[in-house]
N, C-alpha and C. Protein backbone atom coordinates (compact mmCIF):
# COMPACT_ATOMS: atom_id res chain seq x y z
N MET A 1 53.87 -52.23 32.80
CA MET A 1 54.29 -50.95 32.48
C MET A 1 52.98 -50.43 31.69
N ALA A 2 52.38 -51.17 30.81
CA ALA A 2 51.08 -50.87 30.24
C ALA A 2 50.14 -50.51 31.06
N ALA A 3 49.81 -51.15 32.44
CA ALA A 3 48.89 -50.88 33.41
C ALA A 3 49.04 -49.75 33.86
N ALA A 4 50.27 -49.29 33.92
CA ALA A 4 50.70 -47.89 34.62
C ALA A 4 50.10 -46.71 33.71
N ALA A 5 50.42 -47.01 32.28
CA ALA A 5 50.17 -46.10 31.39
C ALA A 5 48.47 -45.75 31.29
N ALA A 6 48.04 -47.08 31.36
CA ALA A 6 46.44 -47.01 31.31
C ALA A 6 45.82 -46.28 32.30
N SER A 7 46.42 -46.48 33.42
CA SER A 7 45.73 -45.81 34.89
C SER A 7 46.19 -44.52 34.88
N ALA A 8 47.40 -43.91 34.32
CA ALA A 8 47.63 -42.85 34.19
C ALA A 8 46.71 -41.92 32.92
N SER A 9 46.52 -42.68 32.12
CA SER A 9 45.37 -42.06 31.13
C SER A 9 44.20 -41.69 31.60
N MET A 10 43.43 -42.83 32.32
CA MET A 10 42.33 -42.76 32.99
C MET A 10 42.11 -41.62 33.93
N SER A 11 43.19 -41.34 34.70
CA SER A 11 43.32 -40.47 35.65
C SER A 11 43.15 -38.88 34.82
N ALA A 12 43.86 -39.01 33.75
CA ALA A 12 43.86 -37.48 33.03
C ALA A 12 42.49 -37.23 32.48
N THR A 13 41.77 -38.42 31.93
CA THR A 13 40.30 -38.05 31.44
C THR A 13 39.32 -37.72 32.61
N ALA A 14 39.60 -38.35 33.82
CA ALA A 14 38.73 -38.18 34.97
C ALA A 14 38.90 -36.58 35.17
N VAL A 15 39.84 -36.24 35.07
CA VAL A 15 39.82 -34.89 35.76
C VAL A 15 39.20 -33.99 34.43
N LEU A 16 39.38 -34.15 33.31
CA LEU A 16 38.63 -33.33 32.41
C LEU A 16 37.07 -33.23 32.29
N ILE A 17 36.65 -34.39 32.79
CA ILE A 17 35.27 -34.36 32.83
C ILE A 17 34.53 -33.39 33.84
N PRO A 18 33.58 -32.50 33.29
CA PRO A 18 32.93 -31.61 34.38
C PRO A 18 32.12 -32.30 35.21
N ARG A 19 31.98 -31.70 36.46
CA ARG A 19 30.94 -32.32 37.65
C ARG A 19 29.72 -31.46 37.55
N VAL A 20 29.01 -31.53 36.66
CA VAL A 20 27.85 -30.60 36.39
C VAL A 20 26.68 -31.68 36.31
N PRO A 21 25.59 -31.28 37.03
CA PRO A 21 24.40 -32.35 37.05
C PRO A 21 23.96 -32.65 35.57
N ALA A 22 23.42 -33.47 35.07
CA ALA A 22 22.91 -33.74 33.89
C ALA A 22 21.87 -32.98 33.46
N ALA A 23 21.10 -32.33 34.37
CA ALA A 23 19.90 -31.49 33.94
C ALA A 23 20.57 -30.17 33.66
N ILE A 24 21.72 -29.57 34.34
CA ILE A 24 22.20 -28.32 33.58
C ILE A 24 23.08 -28.36 32.43
N ARG A 25 23.44 -29.60 32.21
CA ARG A 25 24.62 -29.94 31.08
C ARG A 25 24.04 -29.95 29.71
N THR A 26 23.41 -28.63 29.29
CA THR A 26 22.91 -28.66 27.86
C THR A 26 24.05 -27.81 27.08
N THR A 27 23.90 -28.19 25.91
CA THR A 27 24.87 -27.64 24.95
C THR A 27 24.19 -26.43 24.03
N ARG A 28 24.44 -25.28 23.87
CA ARG A 28 23.58 -24.29 23.22
C ARG A 28 24.59 -23.82 21.89
N CYS A 29 23.96 -24.10 20.88
CA CYS A 29 24.58 -23.91 19.53
C CYS A 29 24.29 -22.61 18.80
N SER A 30 23.47 -21.50 19.63
CA SER A 30 23.15 -20.39 19.33
C SER A 30 23.51 -19.24 20.25
N ALA A 31 23.91 -17.98 19.55
CA ALA A 31 24.38 -17.14 20.45
C ALA A 31 23.04 -16.31 20.87
N LEU A 32 22.08 -16.48 20.65
CA LEU A 32 20.72 -15.90 21.03
C LEU A 32 20.32 -16.08 22.65
N PRO A 33 19.78 -15.34 23.09
CA PRO A 33 19.38 -15.42 24.44
C PRO A 33 18.08 -16.35 24.41
N PRO A 34 18.09 -17.04 25.62
CA PRO A 34 17.17 -17.98 25.84
C PRO A 34 15.60 -17.11 25.75
N LEU A 35 14.38 -18.02 25.36
CA LEU A 35 13.23 -17.39 25.60
C LEU A 35 12.63 -17.41 26.99
N PRO A 36 11.88 -16.58 27.19
CA PRO A 36 11.25 -16.61 28.55
C PRO A 36 10.41 -17.56 28.85
N PRO A 37 9.98 -18.15 29.94
CA PRO A 37 9.23 -19.26 30.49
C PRO A 37 7.92 -19.14 30.00
N ARG A 38 7.12 -20.15 29.45
CA ARG A 38 6.08 -19.94 28.70
C ARG A 38 4.94 -19.79 30.08
N VAL A 39 3.89 -18.80 29.67
CA VAL A 39 2.85 -18.63 30.44
C VAL A 39 1.93 -19.77 30.31
N PRO A 40 1.36 -20.37 31.54
CA PRO A 40 0.39 -21.45 31.12
C PRO A 40 -0.95 -20.56 30.64
N THR A 41 -1.70 -21.55 29.64
CA THR A 41 -2.75 -20.56 29.00
C THR A 41 -4.21 -20.66 30.02
N SER A 42 -4.19 -21.20 31.07
CA SER A 42 -5.16 -21.11 32.02
C SER A 42 -5.28 -19.83 32.65
N SER A 43 -4.22 -19.14 32.80
CA SER A 43 -4.17 -17.96 33.60
C SER A 43 -4.45 -16.75 32.69
N PHE A 44 -4.83 -17.05 31.40
CA PHE A 44 -5.41 -16.03 30.57
C PHE A 44 -6.88 -15.90 30.97
N SER A 45 -7.61 -14.52 31.07
CA SER A 45 -8.71 -14.22 31.48
C SER A 45 -9.43 -13.28 30.40
N SER A 46 -10.66 -13.49 30.30
CA SER A 46 -11.36 -12.47 29.37
C SER A 46 -11.31 -10.88 29.55
N SER A 47 -10.81 -10.53 30.77
CA SER A 47 -10.70 -8.96 31.13
C SER A 47 -9.41 -8.64 30.33
N VAL A 48 -9.54 -7.45 30.19
CA VAL A 48 -8.56 -6.52 29.36
C VAL A 48 -7.44 -6.38 30.64
N LYS A 49 -6.05 -6.55 30.26
CA LYS A 49 -5.04 -6.40 31.14
C LYS A 49 -4.18 -5.06 30.42
N LEU A 50 -3.68 -4.40 31.17
CA LEU A 50 -2.58 -3.53 30.70
C LEU A 50 -1.43 -4.07 30.40
N THR A 51 -0.87 -4.03 29.24
CA THR A 51 0.40 -4.61 28.95
C THR A 51 1.56 -3.46 29.15
N PRO A 52 2.81 -3.90 29.34
CA PRO A 52 3.82 -2.72 29.50
C PRO A 52 3.54 -1.73 28.08
N GLU A 53 3.33 -2.22 26.89
CA GLU A 53 3.11 -1.12 25.91
C GLU A 53 2.26 -0.25 26.05
N SER A 54 1.10 -0.63 26.85
CA SER A 54 0.03 0.30 27.15
C SER A 54 0.33 1.14 28.05
N ARG A 55 1.06 0.72 29.19
CA ARG A 55 1.91 1.45 30.05
C ARG A 55 2.46 2.84 29.62
N ARG A 56 3.28 2.32 28.65
CA ARG A 56 4.36 3.16 28.14
C ARG A 56 3.47 4.41 26.94
N PHE A 57 2.53 3.89 26.67
CA PHE A 57 1.66 4.94 25.70
C PHE A 57 0.19 5.03 26.11
N PRO A 58 0.03 5.58 27.30
CA PRO A 58 -1.34 5.76 27.83
C PRO A 58 -2.26 6.59 26.95
N PHE A 59 -1.86 7.45 26.02
CA PHE A 59 -2.52 8.17 24.99
C PHE A 59 -3.28 7.42 24.16
N LEU A 60 -2.78 6.22 23.83
CA LEU A 60 -3.38 5.60 22.86
C LEU A 60 -4.52 4.70 23.19
N GLN A 61 -4.79 4.62 24.63
CA GLN A 61 -5.87 3.73 24.91
C GLN A 61 -7.21 4.57 25.06
N THR A 62 -8.07 4.05 24.56
CA THR A 62 -9.50 4.47 24.17
C THR A 62 -10.50 3.57 25.28
N LYS A 63 -11.49 4.37 25.69
CA LYS A 63 -12.65 3.41 26.30
C LYS A 63 -13.80 3.81 25.77
N ALA A 64 -14.73 2.77 25.61
CA ALA A 64 -16.08 2.84 25.18
C ALA A 64 -16.83 3.48 26.08
N THR A 65 -17.72 4.05 25.40
CA THR A 65 -18.83 4.93 26.14
C THR A 65 -20.32 4.26 25.99
N GLU A 66 -21.21 4.40 26.52
CA GLU A 66 -22.60 3.84 26.51
C GLU A 66 -23.33 4.26 25.29
N ASP A 67 -22.87 5.26 24.70
CA ASP A 67 -23.45 5.93 23.53
C ASP A 67 -22.72 5.12 22.07
N THR A 68 -22.22 4.14 22.12
CA THR A 68 -21.86 3.49 20.79
C THR A 68 -22.61 2.56 20.30
N SER A 69 -23.82 2.27 20.44
CA SER A 69 -24.68 1.29 20.10
C SER A 69 -25.14 1.82 18.88
N VAL A 70 -25.39 0.89 17.75
CA VAL A 70 -25.80 1.17 16.39
C VAL A 70 -27.18 0.90 16.26
N ASP A 71 -28.03 1.61 15.95
CA ASP A 71 -29.14 1.30 15.34
C ASP A 71 -29.36 0.51 14.00
N THR A 72 -29.38 -0.90 14.20
CA THR A 72 -28.96 -1.32 12.65
C THR A 72 -30.62 -1.00 11.93
N GLY A 73 -31.48 -1.05 12.45
CA GLY A 73 -32.90 -0.54 11.70
C GLY A 73 -32.78 0.61 10.77
N GLU A 74 -31.95 1.82 11.38
CA GLU A 74 -31.71 2.62 11.05
C GLU A 74 -30.71 2.77 9.48
N LEU A 75 -29.87 2.16 10.07
CA LEU A 75 -28.65 1.76 8.95
C LEU A 75 -29.23 1.16 7.96
N PHE A 76 -29.85 0.12 8.20
CA PHE A 76 -30.66 -0.63 6.88
C PHE A 76 -31.69 0.35 6.24
N ASP A 77 -32.35 1.15 6.85
CA ASP A 77 -33.17 2.17 6.33
C ASP A 77 -32.39 3.00 5.42
N ASP A 78 -31.44 3.54 5.66
CA ASP A 78 -30.42 4.41 4.91
C ASP A 78 -29.95 3.69 3.82
N LEU A 79 -29.52 2.48 3.84
CA LEU A 79 -28.83 1.79 2.67
C LEU A 79 -29.94 1.47 1.63
N LYS A 80 -30.95 1.01 2.20
CA LYS A 80 -32.45 0.93 1.35
C LYS A 80 -32.89 2.31 0.54
N GLU A 81 -33.01 3.31 1.36
CA GLU A 81 -33.10 4.37 0.66
C GLU A 81 -31.89 5.01 -0.45
N LYS A 82 -30.67 4.55 -0.06
CA LYS A 82 -29.68 5.04 -1.08
C LYS A 82 -29.73 4.25 -2.32
N TRP A 83 -30.10 2.86 -2.09
CA TRP A 83 -30.19 1.66 -3.15
C TRP A 83 -31.37 2.13 -4.14
N ASP A 84 -32.48 2.75 -3.38
CA ASP A 84 -33.74 2.83 -4.08
C ASP A 84 -33.53 4.33 -5.14
N LYS A 85 -32.45 5.05 -4.43
CA LYS A 85 -32.17 6.19 -5.38
C LYS A 85 -31.28 6.06 -6.85
N VAL A 86 -30.45 4.87 -6.69
CA VAL A 86 -29.69 4.49 -7.65
C VAL A 86 -30.47 3.99 -8.98
N GLU A 87 -30.03 4.73 -10.16
CA GLU A 87 -30.86 4.56 -11.05
C GLU A 87 -30.63 3.02 -12.10
N ASN A 88 -29.40 2.90 -12.05
CA ASN A 88 -28.65 1.72 -12.98
C ASN A 88 -28.30 0.65 -11.80
N LYS A 89 -29.06 -0.04 -11.46
CA LYS A 89 -28.65 -1.05 -10.41
C LYS A 89 -27.90 -2.31 -10.85
N THR A 90 -28.16 -2.66 -12.06
CA THR A 90 -27.23 -3.68 -12.83
C THR A 90 -25.86 -3.28 -13.18
N THR A 91 -25.60 -1.82 -13.41
CA THR A 91 -24.27 -1.44 -13.59
C THR A 91 -23.64 -1.50 -12.32
N VAL A 92 -24.19 -0.91 -11.24
CA VAL A 92 -23.80 -0.95 -9.91
C VAL A 92 -23.09 -2.58 -9.43
N LEU A 93 -24.13 -3.36 -9.58
CA LEU A 93 -23.82 -4.95 -9.44
C LEU A 93 -22.53 -5.17 -10.03
N LEU A 94 -22.78 -5.03 -11.41
CA LEU A 94 -21.53 -5.38 -12.23
C LEU A 94 -20.29 -4.67 -11.73
N TYR A 95 -20.01 -3.51 -11.54
CA TYR A 95 -18.97 -2.98 -10.88
C TYR A 95 -18.40 -3.61 -9.59
N GLY A 96 -19.46 -3.81 -8.75
CA GLY A 96 -19.18 -4.30 -7.57
C GLY A 96 -18.44 -5.71 -7.56
N GLY A 97 -19.29 -6.68 -8.63
CA GLY A 97 -18.68 -7.91 -8.84
C GLY A 97 -17.22 -7.84 -9.49
N GLY A 98 -17.13 -6.90 -10.35
CA GLY A 98 -15.95 -6.74 -11.15
C GLY A 98 -14.66 -6.38 -10.14
N ALA A 99 -14.97 -5.50 -9.19
CA ALA A 99 -14.13 -5.35 -8.25
C ALA A 99 -13.65 -6.30 -7.19
N ILE A 100 -14.60 -7.09 -6.93
CA ILE A 100 -14.38 -8.28 -6.09
C ILE A 100 -13.48 -9.15 -6.89
N VAL A 101 -13.75 -9.44 -8.15
CA VAL A 101 -13.02 -10.41 -9.09
C VAL A 101 -11.56 -9.86 -9.14
N ALA A 102 -11.49 -8.37 -9.38
CA ALA A 102 -10.27 -7.76 -9.69
C ALA A 102 -9.32 -7.99 -8.44
N VAL A 103 -9.95 -7.67 -7.25
CA VAL A 103 -9.22 -7.83 -5.90
C VAL A 103 -8.80 -9.47 -5.78
N TRP A 104 -9.59 -10.45 -6.13
CA TRP A 104 -9.21 -11.69 -6.10
C TRP A 104 -8.07 -12.35 -6.99
N LEU A 105 -8.23 -11.52 -8.32
CA LEU A 105 -7.09 -11.96 -9.33
C LEU A 105 -5.75 -11.19 -9.01
N SER A 106 -5.85 -10.08 -8.33
CA SER A 106 -4.69 -9.51 -8.02
C SER A 106 -3.93 -10.16 -6.93
N SER A 107 -4.88 -10.74 -5.81
CA SER A 107 -4.18 -11.36 -4.96
C SER A 107 -3.45 -12.68 -5.49
N ILE A 108 -3.86 -13.46 -6.31
CA ILE A 108 -3.29 -14.44 -6.87
C ILE A 108 -2.16 -14.11 -7.64
N LEU A 109 -2.13 -13.14 -8.50
CA LEU A 109 -1.14 -12.57 -9.09
C LEU A 109 0.03 -12.05 -8.08
N VAL A 110 -0.13 -11.48 -7.04
CA VAL A 110 0.65 -11.26 -6.27
C VAL A 110 1.36 -12.39 -5.48
N GLY A 111 0.62 -13.43 -5.23
CA GLY A 111 1.20 -14.77 -4.54
C GLY A 111 1.91 -15.45 -5.87
N ALA A 112 1.64 -15.51 -6.95
CA ALA A 112 2.63 -16.07 -8.01
C ALA A 112 4.01 -15.17 -7.93
N ILE A 113 3.74 -13.94 -8.16
CA ILE A 113 5.22 -13.18 -8.13
C ILE A 113 5.81 -13.33 -6.99
N ASN A 114 5.33 -13.41 -5.74
CA ASN A 114 6.01 -13.70 -4.59
C ASN A 114 6.71 -15.09 -4.23
N SER A 115 6.18 -15.96 -5.34
CA SER A 115 7.01 -17.33 -5.10
C SER A 115 8.10 -17.36 -6.22
N VAL A 116 8.01 -16.53 -6.88
CA VAL A 116 9.43 -16.53 -7.77
C VAL A 116 10.61 -15.74 -6.91
N PRO A 117 11.87 -16.68 -7.11
CA PRO A 117 12.71 -16.54 -6.04
C PRO A 117 13.58 -14.80 -5.91
N LEU A 118 13.66 -14.41 -7.04
CA LEU A 118 14.45 -12.89 -7.04
C LEU A 118 13.35 -12.02 -7.30
N LEU A 119 12.28 -12.33 -7.86
CA LEU A 119 11.24 -10.99 -8.21
C LEU A 119 10.89 -10.00 -7.14
N PRO A 120 10.34 -10.74 -5.96
CA PRO A 120 9.88 -9.81 -4.94
C PRO A 120 11.09 -8.79 -4.63
N LYS A 121 12.34 -9.34 -4.59
CA LYS A 121 13.39 -8.26 -4.25
C LYS A 121 13.77 -7.16 -5.25
N ILE A 122 13.27 -7.70 -6.55
CA ILE A 122 13.38 -6.44 -7.72
C ILE A 122 12.20 -5.63 -7.48
N MET A 123 11.12 -6.23 -7.37
CA MET A 123 9.69 -5.48 -7.04
C MET A 123 10.01 -4.26 -5.96
N GLU A 124 10.74 -4.78 -4.68
CA GLU A 124 10.94 -3.83 -3.58
C GLU A 124 12.01 -2.81 -4.25
N LEU A 125 12.82 -3.02 -5.09
CA LEU A 125 13.73 -2.21 -5.43
C LEU A 125 13.16 -1.10 -6.51
N VAL A 126 12.25 -1.68 -7.16
CA VAL A 126 11.38 -0.82 -8.25
C VAL A 126 10.68 0.18 -7.45
N GLY A 127 9.81 -0.24 -6.31
CA GLY A 127 9.09 0.61 -5.60
C GLY A 127 9.92 1.74 -4.90
N LEU A 128 11.14 1.17 -4.35
CA LEU A 128 12.04 2.08 -3.65
C LEU A 128 12.44 3.43 -4.62
N GLY A 129 12.66 2.99 -5.75
CA GLY A 129 13.15 4.07 -6.82
C GLY A 129 11.97 4.67 -7.37
N TYR A 130 10.90 4.05 -7.50
CA TYR A 130 9.75 5.01 -7.77
C TYR A 130 9.46 6.03 -6.48
N SER A 131 9.40 5.69 -5.55
CA SER A 131 9.18 6.53 -4.35
C SER A 131 10.15 7.55 -4.50
N GLY A 132 11.45 7.32 -4.57
CA GLY A 132 12.50 8.33 -4.54
C GLY A 132 12.09 9.30 -5.84
N TRP A 133 11.86 8.73 -6.71
CA TRP A 133 11.55 9.87 -7.90
C TRP A 133 10.26 10.57 -7.96
N PHE A 134 9.29 10.03 -7.00
CA PHE A 134 8.20 10.90 -6.75
C PHE A 134 8.39 11.74 -5.73
N VAL A 135 9.44 11.66 -4.75
CA VAL A 135 9.57 12.66 -3.94
C VAL A 135 10.42 13.67 -4.55
N TYR A 136 11.41 13.37 -5.39
CA TYR A 136 12.01 14.36 -6.10
C TYR A 136 11.27 15.33 -7.10
N ARG A 137 10.48 14.54 -7.49
CA ARG A 137 9.54 15.16 -8.85
C ARG A 137 8.41 16.15 -8.00
N TYR A 138 7.89 15.61 -7.14
CA TYR A 138 6.49 16.31 -6.43
C TYR A 138 6.54 16.88 -5.06
N LEU A 139 7.61 16.31 -4.33
CA LEU A 139 7.53 17.02 -2.97
C LEU A 139 9.00 17.82 -2.76
N LEU A 140 9.95 17.66 -3.10
CA LEU A 140 11.02 18.44 -2.81
C LEU A 140 10.68 19.81 -3.08
N PHE A 141 10.45 20.48 -4.05
CA PHE A 141 10.59 21.90 -4.25
C PHE A 141 9.18 22.30 -4.06
N LYS A 142 8.91 23.69 -3.58
CA LYS A 142 7.92 24.03 -3.62
C LYS A 142 6.84 24.42 -4.80
N SER A 143 7.44 24.65 -5.97
CA SER A 143 6.69 24.87 -7.17
C SER A 143 6.07 23.46 -7.45
N SER A 144 6.63 22.45 -7.35
CA SER A 144 6.24 21.17 -7.63
C SER A 144 5.26 20.67 -6.81
N ARG A 145 5.29 21.13 -5.68
CA ARG A 145 4.25 20.48 -4.43
C ARG A 145 2.99 21.43 -5.12
N LYS A 146 3.31 22.67 -5.48
CA LYS A 146 1.72 23.36 -5.90
C LYS A 146 1.24 22.83 -7.07
N GLU A 147 2.32 22.22 -7.94
CA GLU A 147 1.69 21.47 -9.03
C GLU A 147 0.80 20.20 -8.86
N LEU A 148 1.50 19.58 -7.70
CA LEU A 148 0.90 18.41 -7.30
C LEU A 148 -0.53 18.63 -6.75
N ALA A 149 -0.58 19.69 -6.05
CA ALA A 149 -1.79 20.26 -5.44
C ALA A 149 -3.09 20.31 -6.43
N THR A 150 -2.45 21.11 -7.34
CA THR A 150 -3.49 21.61 -8.62
C THR A 150 -3.89 20.11 -9.28
N ASP A 151 -2.97 19.28 -9.48
CA ASP A 151 -3.33 18.01 -10.44
C ASP A 151 -4.38 17.27 -9.28
N ILE A 152 -4.09 17.08 -7.97
CA ILE A 152 -4.84 16.50 -7.06
C ILE A 152 -6.42 17.10 -6.93
N GLU A 153 -6.35 18.39 -7.05
CA GLU A 153 -7.74 18.94 -7.16
C GLU A 153 -8.53 18.91 -8.70
N ALA A 154 -7.74 18.71 -9.53
CA ALA A 154 -8.34 18.56 -10.92
C ALA A 154 -8.76 17.18 -10.96
N LEU A 155 -8.15 16.19 -10.45
CA LEU A 155 -8.59 14.85 -10.34
C LEU A 155 -9.71 14.71 -9.55
N LYS A 156 -9.94 15.44 -8.27
CA LYS A 156 -11.03 15.21 -7.55
C LYS A 156 -12.40 15.73 -8.27
N LYS A 157 -12.21 16.86 -8.89
CA LYS A 157 -13.44 17.42 -9.86
C LYS A 157 -13.64 16.56 -10.84
N LYS A 158 -12.67 15.94 -11.53
CA LYS A 158 -12.89 14.99 -12.69
C LYS A 158 -13.87 13.82 -11.85
N ILE A 159 -13.24 13.12 -10.88
CA ILE A 159 -13.94 12.14 -10.25
C ILE A 159 -15.51 12.36 -9.81
N ALA A 160 -15.49 13.55 -9.02
CA ALA A 160 -17.18 14.14 -8.61
C ALA A 160 -17.83 14.54 -9.73
N GLY A 161 -17.45 14.62 -10.98
CA GLY A 161 -18.05 15.26 -12.23
C GLY A 161 -18.40 16.56 -12.22
N THR A 162 -17.72 17.31 -11.21
CA THR A 162 -18.15 18.75 -11.26
C THR A 162 -17.32 19.70 -12.51
N GLU A 163 -16.65 18.86 -13.15
CA GLU A 163 -15.72 19.67 -13.82
C GLU A 163 -16.42 19.81 -15.43
């Protein structure tokens, strides 16, 4: 009787096993579609190929003409002439070096802020709030747009030194 029960349970399990080749029998734990097959790297060439995006937007394509050559001698002569016109060369060098150091320090600061868990999201919210305030304050109404334009013109004159 035990042998009959064992053979009955084995026949039940044999029916439940799918008869699919092992190469096809893969389990997918994701609902995402599978990736397209990889293109071998040897098929890439140095020539420019049109991608589907460039076919959709042909107006974004540019072609180089033969007149795109830059005369480096003329460029260096212009730079040398402008450098000779500068009166305070040490001040220009100090400002340039200070700008490079400021960019370097700001990149370090942004990296440190980005590593704090909640701070980047809070900064995004602050930026979004400020952008909303700016639109409401300066761009929404005609009188405030005129005010913004006059403020920008005054700033341009102040920077240029014509005021």
